[in-house]
Amino acid sequence: MDFSIKTFDARTSLAQAKTGVMVVGVFENKVLTAAAAGLDGDGAISAAVKSGDITGKPGSTLLLRGLAGIAAERVLLVGLGKEAPVAPKDFNSACQAIARTLATVGAADTLISLPCDQVREREAGWAIQALVLALRESRYRFDEMKSKKEPVPAGVKKAALVLDAAAAASARAVLAQAVALANGIELTKDLGNLPPNVCTPTYLANTAKKLAKQFGFGVEVLDRKQMEALKMGSFLSVTNGTMEPPKFIVLKHLGGKTREAPTVLVGKGVTFDSGGISIKPGAAMDEMKYDMCGAASVLGTFRAIGEMNLKLNVIGVIPATENMPSGTATRPGDIVTSMSGQTIEILNTDAEGRLILCDALTYVERFKPAVVVDIATLTGACITALGHHNAGLFTRHDDVHDALADALIAAGKLSDDTAWRMPIEDSYQEQLKSNFADMANIGGAPGGSITAACFLERYTKAYTWAHLDIAGTAWKSGPAKGATGRPVPMLTTFLINRAQAAR
């Protein structure tokens, strides 16, 4: 879908604008927005509202045709809830309703005039982004692997957002960022939705190379021999059972100052997780193709910030492998030595994400990072704790790490891609004790997502770090099965905020 900003001067009114669909808002108390009132010359809109044809409740809609004195072929009324300031949740509901309707009407273009500057505790840019993401989400399809493609809905293909002339310049910049974010989200969805026989570690590496060529990133892909030379014994232990060659991917977006310490994103890239020798139950095992959504979110975030040309130094690190059972696979009871020199007793080969991440977290010390955030579909325990609404956020408890947690939570709230902070305390570390190695790779069922984070924390003493467990948010199951693109919105917003603070 093509997006643009449209302004009107004093000589031109919305009523004179030619378009397939004009979108305006109404409130629950039967009050029209200024834009809707401007189209109500003959009273048809106010009559529809007063008659109860549209309630004004968030997401309610009414499509009107052939209104006298209106150049638009159709007028779509959408409910915004209670009168301004509009609640962010209500505005999002309106955006989703608009997207659903515009996907089905027989019109090529639309003009959308909503009170973007009247959303509670949000700037107009937030409303613009909400509209763009909702419209793009409604048109997203993944049928790449089907021999017969699904029919593409006719729907609207061009959307212009109507804004005040004074705000147009800044709005265009925000709109470009919103489109870049949508592109990043869709890349993450595509990678997650691809089957594991296609989206292999090599495929992820090639995707990184394509992004590097398109946006001028630095890129390096390490193979098994290079990982052996670096003594990544923990990561390599996960690769023992698969024939697919593992890849260690490094992407560099150096858009900030020359000596600026980078922000580092580390994404878990297990392109299929059978559980290894500790094999998973067969039911829903196909969904373990989504175990690389941490890696996919790093690539999607780089897609977004590359298109934005974000003025910040960002490095992405992706350890990528399959986790498969075979005669050469790592066994429960094996002890391996990580890149840090710490030894790990592997009690369960299905707790493999932390085994590849710990070596990646040691590797990133060389970048002398400002902060490091790892992203992983790490534990089913996080789903039990938080469901599918919030990602789990873990970090140490001190002033520096509290500030990092606050920044990520704020970015999540602003982008509607939320996280909830969980504890990391020394008392949980006791569960990782091993009689035979420096630590075990699991700490038992109690507090499973916390002990997994505690395991990773042991490898991050050299820098400021946070961990996002996205097991409950990265994809949906059931009839709506598919990757969600989370947490690309949170990560991208977090990076934008850091870039603005660095100016």
Protein backbone atom coordinates (compact mmCIF):
# COMPACT_ATOMS: atom_id res chain seq x y z
CA MET A 1 0.00 0.00 0.00
CA ASP A 2 1.22 3.49 -0.87
CA PHE A 3 1.02 6.17 1.83
CA SER A 4 1.15 9.95 1.64
CA ILE A 5 0.29 13.10 3.59
CA LYS A 6 -2.43 15.41 2.27
CA THR A 7 -3.09 18.98 3.38
CA PHE A 8 -5.88 21.40 2.52
CA ASP A 9 -5.72 25.18 2.44
CA ALA A 10 -8.51 27.62 3.22
CA ARG A 11 -9.79 27.51 -0.36
CA THR A 12 -10.30 23.74 -0.38
CA SER A 13 -12.47 21.66 1.93
CA LEU A 14 -12.65 17.91 2.51
CA ALA A 15 -16.06 17.96 0.86
CA GLN A 16 -14.42 18.91 -2.45
CA ALA A 17 -11.76 16.19 -2.29
CA LYS A 18 -12.19 13.40 -4.83
CA THR A 19 -11.45 9.96 -3.44
CA GLY A 20 -12.88 6.46 -3.33
CA VAL A 21 -13.38 6.53 0.45
CA MET A 22 -13.27 9.47 2.87
CA VAL A 23 -12.68 8.27 6.45
CA VAL A 24 -13.79 10.45 9.38
CA GLY A 25 -14.52 9.80 13.05
CA VAL A 26 -17.47 10.04 15.41
CA PHE A 27 -17.70 9.77 19.20
CA GLU A 28 -19.94 7.73 21.47
CA ASN A 29 -21.88 10.77 22.68
CA LYS A 30 -23.04 11.36 19.07
CA VAL A 31 -20.58 14.20 18.57
CA LEU A 32 -18.81 14.46 15.21
CA THR A 33 -15.11 15.13 14.80
CA ALA A 34 -14.26 18.39 13.04
CA ALA A 35 -13.63 16.52 9.80
CA ALA A 36 -16.97 14.70 9.98
CA ALA A 37 -18.77 17.95 10.75
CA GLY A 38 -17.17 19.49 7.68
CA LEU A 39 -18.83 16.83 5.51
CA ASP A 40 -22.23 17.19 7.14
CA GLY A 41 -23.58 19.94 4.93
CA ASP A 42 -26.98 18.34 4.39
CA GLY A 43 -27.11 16.70 7.82
CA ALA A 44 -26.86 13.14 6.52
CA ILE A 45 -23.95 12.19 8.78
CA SER A 46 -25.45 13.67 11.94
CA ALA A 47 -28.75 11.99 11.09
CA ALA A 48 -27.03 8.61 10.79
CA VAL A 49 -25.37 9.12 14.15
CA LYS A 50 -28.53 10.29 15.91
CA SER A 51 -30.52 7.39 14.51
CA GLY A 52 -28.08 4.89 16.03
CA ASP A 53 -26.82 3.54 12.69
CA ILE A 54 -23.36 3.91 14.21
CA THR A 55 -22.80 3.95 17.98
CA GLY A 56 -19.44 5.67 18.03
CA LYS A 57 -18.02 2.85 20.12
CA PRO A 58 -14.37 2.11 19.35
CA GLY A 59 -14.11 0.24 16.06
CA SER A 60 -17.78 0.60 15.03
CA THR A 61 -18.17 1.59 11.36
CA LEU A 62 -20.79 2.80 8.91
CA LEU A 63 -20.19 3.16 5.17
CA LEU A 64 -22.29 5.81 3.39
CA ARG A 65 -22.50 6.33 -0.38
CA GLY A 66 -23.48 9.22 -2.62
CA LEU A 67 -23.77 11.96 -0.01
CA ALA A 68 -25.01 15.25 -1.48
CA GLY A 69 -22.30 17.88 -1.87
CA ILE A 70 -19.48 15.40 -1.16
CA ALA A 71 -17.00 14.64 -3.95
CA ALA A 72 -15.89 11.38 -2.30
CA GLU A 73 -17.67 8.29 -3.62
CA ARG A 74 -18.05 6.90 -0.09
CA VAL A 75 -17.77 8.22 3.44
CA LEU A 76 -16.66 5.77 6.12
CA LEU A 77 -17.63 6.74 9.66
CA VAL A 78 -15.55 5.09 12.37
CA GLY A 79 -16.18 5.11 16.11
CA LEU A 80 -13.47 6.59 18.33
CA GLY A 81 -15.06 5.98 21.72
CA LYS A 82 -15.48 8.76 24.21
CA GLU A 83 -14.88 12.34 23.15
CA ALA A 84 -11.30 13.61 22.77
CA PRO A 85 -8.73 13.07 24.02
CA VAL A 86 -9.14 9.62 22.48
CA ALA A 87 -7.79 6.66 24.46
CA PRO A 88 -4.85 5.00 22.63
CA LYS A 89 -6.59 1.61 22.83
CA ASP A 90 -9.73 3.10 21.26
CA PHE A 91 -7.72 4.74 18.48
CA ASN A 92 -6.05 1.41 17.72
CA SER A 93 -9.47 -0.26 17.56
CA ALA A 94 -10.58 2.40 15.08
CA CYS A 95 -7.48 1.86 12.95
CA GLN A 96 -8.06 -1.88 12.80
CA ALA A 97 -11.71 -1.37 11.86
CA ILE A 98 -10.70 1.05 9.09
CA ALA A 99 -8.18 -1.48 7.78
CA ARG A 100 -10.76 -4.29 7.72
CA THR A 101 -13.27 -2.15 5.83
CA LEU A 102 -10.80 -0.69 3.34
CA ALA A 103 -9.61 -4.20 2.50
CA THR A 104 -13.05 -5.08 1.13
CA VAL A 105 -14.41 -1.97 -0.58
CA GLY A 106 -14.19 -1.52 -4.34
CA ALA A 107 -12.16 1.66 -4.19
CA ALA A 108 -8.56 2.33 -5.21
CA ASP A 109 -7.74 5.13 -2.81
CA THR A 110 -8.74 6.72 0.49
CA LEU A 111 -8.38 9.95 2.42
CA ILE A 112 -8.23 9.44 6.19
CA SER A 113 -8.98 12.43 8.39
CA LEU A 114 -8.84 11.49 12.07
CA PRO A 115 -7.87 13.61 15.11
CA CYS A 116 -4.30 12.27 15.23
CA ASP A 117 -3.24 15.10 17.53
CA GLN A 118 -5.97 14.34 20.06
CA VAL A 119 -4.93 10.94 21.37
CA ARG A 120 -4.37 10.84 25.11
CA GLU A 121 -0.69 10.96 26.14
CA ARG A 122 0.43 10.40 22.55
CA GLU A 123 1.86 12.63 19.86
CA ALA A 124 0.41 12.79 16.35
CA GLY A 125 3.28 10.63 15.09
CA TRP A 126 2.07 7.74 17.21
CA ALA A 127 -1.37 7.92 15.58
CA ILE A 128 0.16 8.01 12.10
CA GLN A 129 2.21 4.91 12.89
CA ALA A 130 -0.85 3.13 14.29
CA LEU A 131 -2.76 3.77 11.07
CA VAL A 132 0.09 2.60 8.84
CA LEU A 133 0.71 -0.59 10.81
CA ALA A 134 -2.98 -1.48 10.92
CA LEU A 135 -3.40 -0.96 7.17
CA ARG A 136 -0.28 -2.96 6.35
CA GLU A 137 -1.25 -5.76 8.74
CA SER A 138 -4.63 -6.12 7.03
CA ARG A 139 -2.95 -6.70 3.68
CA TYR A 140 -0.24 -9.07 4.85
CA ARG A 141 -0.39 -12.51 3.28
CA PHE A 142 2.09 -15.38 3.35
CA ASP A 143 1.41 -17.68 0.42
CA GLU A 144 4.94 -17.96 -0.95
CA MET A 145 4.91 -21.74 -0.63
CA LYS A 146 1.50 -22.31 -2.23
CA SER A 147 1.30 -23.47 -5.85
CA LYS A 148 -1.90 -21.43 -6.23
CA LYS A 149 -1.67 -18.03 -4.62
CA GLU A 150 -4.55 -16.72 -2.56
CA PRO A 151 -6.61 -14.09 -4.37
CA VAL A 152 -5.38 -10.63 -3.44
CA PRO A 153 -8.26 -8.58 -2.02
CA ALA A 154 -9.23 -5.69 -4.26
CA GLY A 155 -9.38 -3.11 -1.51
CA VAL A 156 -7.70 0.25 -1.23
CA LYS A 157 -4.11 0.50 -2.46
CA LYS A 158 -3.38 4.19 -1.81
CA ALA A 159 -3.95 5.93 1.49
CA ALA A 160 -3.47 9.64 2.17
CA LEU A 161 -3.56 10.92 5.73
CA VAL A 162 -5.12 14.36 6.07
CA LEU A 163 -3.19 16.65 8.42
CA ASP A 164 -2.81 20.33 9.17
CA ALA A 165 -0.33 22.06 6.82
CA ALA A 166 1.82 23.20 9.75
CA ALA A 167 2.41 19.59 10.79
CA ALA A 168 2.94 18.19 7.29
CA ALA A 169 6.75 18.30 7.16
CA SER A 170 7.30 16.44 10.44
CA ALA A 171 4.41 14.11 9.60
CA ARG A 172 6.09 13.03 6.36
CA ALA A 173 9.21 12.08 8.28
CA VAL A 174 7.13 10.10 10.78
CA LEU A 175 5.23 8.44 7.94
CA ALA A 176 8.49 7.31 6.32
CA GLN A 177 9.58 5.81 9.65
CA ALA A 178 6.24 4.04 10.04
CA VAL A 179 6.53 2.49 6.57
CA ALA A 180 10.11 1.38 7.35
CA LEU A 181 8.89 -0.22 10.58
CA ALA A 182 6.10 -2.03 8.70
CA ASN A 183 8.69 -3.34 6.23
CA GLY A 184 10.81 -4.63 9.09
CA ILE A 185 7.85 -6.32 10.74
CA GLU A 186 6.90 -8.04 7.49
CA LEU A 187 10.44 -9.35 6.97
CA THR A 188 10.35 -10.83 10.47
CA LYS A 189 6.97 -12.42 9.78
CA ASP A 190 8.14 -13.85 6.47
CA LEU A 191 11.24 -15.42 8.02
CA GLY A 192 9.22 -16.91 10.85
CA ASN A 193 6.54 -18.29 8.55
CA LEU A 194 8.95 -19.95 6.13
CA PRO A 195 9.29 -23.72 6.61
CA PRO A 196 12.45 -24.96 8.34
CA ASN A 197 13.65 -26.78 5.22
CA VAL A 198 13.85 -23.36 3.55
CA CYS A 199 14.71 -20.99 6.40
CA THR A 200 17.94 -22.68 7.47
CA PRO A 201 20.94 -21.03 9.16
CA THR A 202 22.37 -20.49 5.69
CA TYR A 203 19.14 -18.78 4.60
CA LEU A 204 19.35 -16.42 7.58
CA ALA A 205 22.97 -15.66 6.71
CA ASN A 206 22.04 -14.93 3.09
CA THR A 207 19.20 -12.68 4.26
CA ALA A 208 21.69 -10.73 6.36
CA LYS A 209 23.98 -10.38 3.35
CA LYS A 210 21.12 -9.08 1.21
CA LEU A 211 20.24 -6.50 3.85
CA ALA A 212 23.88 -5.50 4.08
CA LYS A 213 24.05 -4.94 0.33
CA GLN A 214 20.76 -3.03 0.26
CA PHE A 215 21.45 -0.71 3.19
CA GLY A 216 25.24 -0.57 3.41
CA PHE A 217 25.62 -2.63 6.60
CA GLY A 218 28.82 -4.35 7.51
CA VAL A 219 28.36 -8.13 7.58
CA GLU A 220 30.39 -11.13 8.66
CA VAL A 221 29.33 -14.77 8.75
CA LEU A 222 31.44 -17.22 10.74
CA ASP A 223 31.40 -20.93 9.91
CA ARG A 224 32.03 -23.96 12.10
CA LYS A 225 35.83 -23.81 11.85
CA GLN A 226 35.89 -20.19 12.90
CA MET A 227 33.58 -20.95 15.81
CA GLU A 228 35.86 -23.81 16.83
CA ALA A 229 38.83 -21.44 16.73
CA LEU A 230 36.91 -19.09 19.04
CA LYS A 231 36.22 -22.05 21.38
CA MET A 232 32.43 -21.68 21.23
CA GLY A 233 31.96 -25.11 22.76
CA SER A 234 28.51 -24.39 24.15
CA PHE A 235 27.07 -23.17 20.83
CA LEU A 236 28.73 -25.96 18.89
CA SER A 237 27.32 -28.62 21.23
CA VAL A 238 23.83 -27.74 19.93
CA THR A 239 24.97 -28.17 16.33
CA ASN A 240 26.29 -31.71 16.80
CA GLY A 241 23.11 -33.50 15.75
CA THR A 242 22.33 -31.67 12.51
CA MET A 243 23.68 -31.83 8.99
CA GLU A 244 22.80 -28.16 8.39
CA PRO A 245 25.94 -26.04 8.84
CA PRO A 246 25.67 -23.55 11.70
CA LYS A 247 26.23 -19.85 11.07
CA PHE A 248 27.29 -17.03 13.37
CA ILE A 249 26.03 -13.81 11.79
CA VAL A 250 27.24 -10.29 12.61
CA LEU A 251 25.56 -7.18 11.12
CA LYS A 252 26.81 -3.63 11.69
CA HIS A 253 24.79 -0.46 11.15
CA LEU A 254 27.25 2.35 11.92
CA GLY A 255 25.01 5.39 11.59
CA GLY A 256 26.17 7.14 14.76
CA LYS A 257 29.33 8.96 15.77
CA THR A 258 32.67 7.29 15.09
CA ARG A 259 33.55 6.55 18.72
CA GLU A 260 30.00 5.98 19.93
CA ALA A 261 29.64 2.70 21.81
CA PRO A 262 27.20 0.48 19.92
CA THR A 263 23.86 -0.88 20.99
CA VAL A 264 24.00 -4.64 20.42
CA LEU A 265 21.05 -6.91 19.64
CA VAL A 266 21.57 -10.67 20.00
CA GLY A 267 18.90 -12.92 18.46
CA LYS A 268 18.41 -16.65 19.05
CA GLY A 269 18.39 -18.38 15.67
CA VAL A 270 17.34 -22.01 16.18
CA THR A 271 15.73 -22.59 12.79
CA PHE A 272 14.14 -25.82 13.98
CA ASP A 273 14.08 -27.17 17.52
CA SER A 274 13.25 -30.85 17.83
CA GLY A 275 14.55 -30.80 21.39
CA GLY A 276 17.54 -32.89 20.35
CA ILE A 277 17.96 -36.12 22.31
CA SER A 278 15.49 -34.68 24.86
CA ILE A 279 12.99 -34.76 22.03
CA LYS A 280 9.77 -32.78 22.23
CA PRO A 281 6.27 -34.31 21.99
CA GLY A 282 5.02 -34.55 18.42
CA ALA A 283 1.97 -32.33 18.89
CA ALA A 284 2.61 -28.83 17.53
CA MET A 285 6.29 -29.59 16.99
CA ASP A 286 5.93 -27.93 13.58
CA GLU A 287 5.70 -24.63 15.43
CA MET A 288 9.31 -25.03 16.47
CA LYS A 289 10.21 -23.45 13.13
CA TYR A 290 9.41 -20.25 15.06
CA ASP A 291 12.33 -20.83 17.43
CA MET A 292 14.36 -18.46 15.28
CA CYS A 293 12.04 -15.50 15.80
CA GLY A 294 14.63 -13.77 17.98
CA ALA A 295 17.00 -13.84 15.01
CA ALA A 296 14.19 -12.81 12.67
CA SER A 297 13.37 -9.83 14.89
CA VAL A 298 16.99 -8.67 14.78
CA LEU A 299 16.97 -8.87 10.98
CA GLY A 300 13.60 -7.11 10.82
CA THR A 301 14.82 -4.36 13.12
CA PHE A 302 17.90 -3.88 10.94
CA ARG A 303 15.61 -3.72 7.90
CA ALA A 304 13.71 -0.90 9.59
CA ILE A 305 16.64 1.15 10.88
CA GLY A 306 18.50 0.72 7.61
CA GLU A 307 15.61 2.22 5.67
CA MET A 308 15.38 5.00 8.27
CA ASN A 309 19.14 5.60 8.08
CA LEU A 310 19.04 5.81 11.86
CA LYS A 311 21.82 7.92 13.38
CA LEU A 312 23.02 5.29 15.83
CA ASN A 313 25.63 2.54 15.94
CA VAL A 314 23.85 -0.81 16.16
CA ILE A 315 25.35 -4.30 15.92
CA GLY A 316 23.28 -7.45 15.43
CA VAL A 317 24.60 -10.88 16.40
CA ILE A 318 22.76 -14.08 15.46
CA PRO A 319 23.93 -17.59 16.41
CA ALA A 320 22.00 -19.83 14.01
CA THR A 321 21.62 -23.61 14.00
CA GLU A 322 19.14 -26.47 14.07
CA ASN A 323 18.69 -28.62 17.19
CA MET A 324 18.27 -32.21 15.99
CA PRO A 325 18.64 -35.75 17.36
CA SER A 326 21.13 -38.12 15.77
CA GLY A 327 23.97 -40.49 16.64
CA THR A 328 26.30 -37.50 16.91
CA ALA A 329 23.96 -35.28 18.93
CA THR A 330 24.88 -33.96 22.37
CA ARG A 331 23.54 -36.17 25.18
CA PRO A 332 22.00 -35.27 28.54
CA GLY A 333 24.89 -35.50 30.99
CA ASP A 334 27.51 -34.17 28.58
CA ILE A 335 29.68 -31.33 29.87
CA VAL A 336 30.84 -28.61 27.50
CA THR A 337 33.10 -25.59 27.84
CA SER A 338 31.70 -22.24 26.74
CA MET A 339 33.67 -19.48 25.03
CA SER A 340 33.94 -17.77 28.43
CA GLY A 341 35.72 -20.80 29.87
CA GLN A 342 32.82 -21.71 32.14
CA THR A 343 31.71 -25.34 31.99
CA ILE A 344 28.09 -26.44 31.58
CA GLU A 345 26.47 -29.77 32.43
CA ILE A 346 23.73 -30.30 29.85
CA LEU A 347 20.86 -31.92 31.71
CA ASN A 348 18.32 -31.29 28.95
CA THR A 349 19.21 -30.79 25.30
CA ASP A 350 15.87 -29.00 24.78
CA ALA A 351 17.26 -26.07 26.80
CA GLU A 352 19.47 -25.24 23.84
CA GLY A 353 18.72 -21.56 23.29
CA ARG A 354 20.73 -20.49 26.31
CA LEU A 355 23.60 -22.68 25.11
CA ILE A 356 23.96 -20.80 21.83
CA LEU A 357 23.23 -17.41 23.35
CA CYS A 358 25.85 -17.63 26.10
CA ASP A 359 28.68 -17.85 23.58
CA ALA A 360 27.17 -15.01 21.55
CA LEU A 361 26.95 -12.90 24.72
CA THR A 362 30.61 -13.58 25.41
CA TYR A 363 31.54 -12.76 21.81
CA VAL A 364 29.94 -9.29 21.93
CA GLU A 365 32.32 -8.13 24.68
CA ARG A 366 34.76 -7.25 21.89
CA PHE A 367 32.47 -4.44 20.74
CA LYS A 368 32.63 -2.64 24.11
CA PRO A 369 28.86 -2.11 23.88
CA ALA A 370 26.82 0.64 25.50
CA VAL A 371 24.04 -1.89 26.10
CA VAL A 372 23.22 -5.42 24.95
CA VAL A 373 19.69 -6.80 24.50
CA ASP A 374 19.20 -10.45 23.67
CA ILE A 375 15.92 -11.63 22.16
CA ALA A 376 14.86 -15.25 22.30
CA THR A 377 11.91 -17.62 22.21
CA LEU A 378 13.54 -19.12 25.26
CA THR A 379 11.05 -20.79 27.61
CA GLY A 380 7.56 -22.19 27.74
CA ALA A 381 7.63 -21.09 31.37
CA CYS A 382 7.43 -17.48 30.23
CA ILE A 383 4.15 -18.26 28.44
CA THR A 384 2.82 -19.82 31.63
CA ALA A 385 3.79 -16.69 33.57
CA LEU A 386 2.74 -13.94 31.14
CA GLY A 387 0.55 -15.54 28.48
CA HIS A 388 0.69 -14.11 24.98
CA HIS A 389 0.37 -10.42 25.79
CA ASN A 390 3.71 -9.39 27.28
CA ALA A 391 7.26 -10.44 26.53
CA GLY A 392 9.31 -11.25 29.62
CA LEU A 393 11.97 -8.64 30.41
CA PHE A 394 14.89 -9.61 32.62
CA THR A 395 17.88 -7.62 33.77
CA ARG A 396 19.93 -6.96 36.88
CA HIS A 397 18.57 -4.78 39.66
CA ASP A 398 20.68 -1.63 39.93
CA ASP A 399 20.38 1.96 38.72
CA VAL A 400 21.99 1.36 35.31
CA HIS A 401 19.98 -1.74 34.53
CA ASP A 402 16.80 -0.22 35.92
CA ALA A 403 17.24 2.61 33.41
CA LEU A 404 17.64 0.10 30.57
CA ALA A 405 14.53 -1.80 31.70
CA ASP A 406 12.55 1.44 31.93
CA ALA A 407 13.65 2.43 28.40
CA LEU A 408 12.56 -0.92 26.93
CA ILE A 409 9.23 -0.90 28.79
CA ALA A 410 8.57 2.68 27.65
CA ALA A 411 9.38 1.76 24.05
CA GLY A 412 7.02 -1.22 24.35
CA LYS A 413 4.17 0.89 25.64
CA LEU A 414 4.69 3.51 22.95
CA SER A 415 4.71 0.89 20.19
CA ASP A 416 1.97 -1.34 21.67
CA ASP A 417 4.52 -4.15 21.84
CA THR A 418 4.69 -4.55 25.59
CA ALA A 419 6.99 -6.33 28.04
CA TRP A 420 6.72 -7.06 31.75
CA ARG A 421 9.77 -6.98 33.99
CA MET A 422 10.57 -10.21 35.83
CA PRO A 423 13.05 -10.71 38.70
CA ILE A 424 16.64 -11.85 38.60
CA GLU A 425 17.94 -12.61 42.09
CA ASP A 426 20.86 -14.60 43.47
CA SER A 427 18.44 -16.98 45.18
CA TYR A 428 17.38 -18.31 41.77
CA GLN A 429 21.00 -18.95 40.80
CA GLU A 430 21.08 -21.76 43.37
CA GLN A 431 18.86 -23.84 41.07
CA LEU A 432 21.61 -23.95 38.43
CA LYS A 433 24.14 -25.72 40.67
CA SER A 434 25.83 -28.81 39.24
CA ASN A 435 27.86 -31.46 41.06
CA PHE A 436 30.10 -31.89 38.06
CA ALA A 437 30.41 -28.54 36.20
CA ASP A 438 30.30 -24.81 36.88
CA MET A 439 26.58 -24.85 36.22
CA ALA A 440 23.71 -26.91 34.82
CA ASN A 441 21.78 -25.69 31.80
CA ILE A 442 18.40 -26.04 33.55
CA GLY A 443 17.17 -25.21 37.04
CA GLY A 444 14.00 -27.27 37.21
CA ALA A 445 10.39 -26.30 36.63
CA PRO A 446 9.97 -23.63 39.35
CA GLY A 447 10.68 -20.20 37.92
CA GLY A 448 11.87 -21.71 34.65
CA SER A 449 11.99 -18.44 32.69
CA ILE A 450 13.85 -16.77 35.57
CA THR A 451 16.52 -19.44 35.93
CA ALA A 452 17.03 -19.36 32.14
CA ALA A 453 17.67 -15.62 32.40
CA CYS A 454 19.95 -16.22 35.40
CA PHE A 455 21.96 -18.62 33.25
CA LEU A 456 22.45 -15.94 30.58
CA GLU A 457 23.23 -13.29 33.18
CA ARG A 458 26.40 -15.19 34.13
CA TYR A 459 27.85 -14.32 30.71
CA THR A 460 27.07 -10.59 30.74
CA LYS A 461 29.12 -9.20 33.63
CA ALA A 462 31.22 -7.00 31.31
CA TYR A 463 28.38 -4.74 30.13
CA THR A 464 24.84 -3.49 30.65
CA TRP A 465 22.40 -6.17 29.51
CA ALA A 466 18.74 -7.11 29.21
CA HIS A 467 17.00 -10.27 28.05
CA LEU A 468 13.64 -10.47 26.27
CA ASP A 469 11.85 -13.82 26.37
CA ILE A 470 9.41 -13.66 23.44
CA ALA A 471 8.17 -17.26 23.53
CA GLY A 472 4.61 -16.09 24.16
CA THR A 473 4.53 -13.17 21.74
CA ALA A 474 6.54 -14.11 18.65
CA TRP A 475 3.83 -16.22 17.00
CA LYS A 476 0.21 -17.28 17.23
CA SER A 477 -1.15 -20.82 17.17
CA GLY A 478 -4.46 -22.24 16.00
CA PRO A 479 -6.45 -20.89 13.04
CA ALA A 480 -4.47 -17.62 13.17
CA LYS A 481 -1.14 -19.49 13.15
CA GLY A 482 1.69 -17.23 12.05
CA ALA A 483 4.54 -15.01 13.15
CA THR A 484 3.53 -11.70 14.75
CA GLY A 485 6.62 -9.63 13.95
CA ARG A 486 7.14 -8.83 17.62
CA PRO A 487 9.26 -7.38 19.15
CA VAL A 488 10.39 -5.37 16.10
CA PRO A 489 8.15 -2.41 17.08
CA MET A 490 9.59 -2.28 20.60
CA LEU A 491 13.20 -2.70 19.49
CA THR A 492 12.93 -0.14 16.70
CA THR A 493 11.26 2.40 18.99
CA PHE A 494 13.92 1.74 21.63
CA LEU A 495 16.67 2.43 19.07
CA ILE A 496 14.94 5.56 17.73
CA ASN A 497 14.70 6.90 21.28
CA ARG A 498 18.40 6.18 21.88
CA ALA A 499 19.34 7.92 18.63
CA GLN A 500 17.33 11.00 19.62
CA ALA A 501 18.91 11.05 23.08
CA ALA A 502 22.40 10.87 21.54
CA ARG A 503 21.91 13.99 19.43
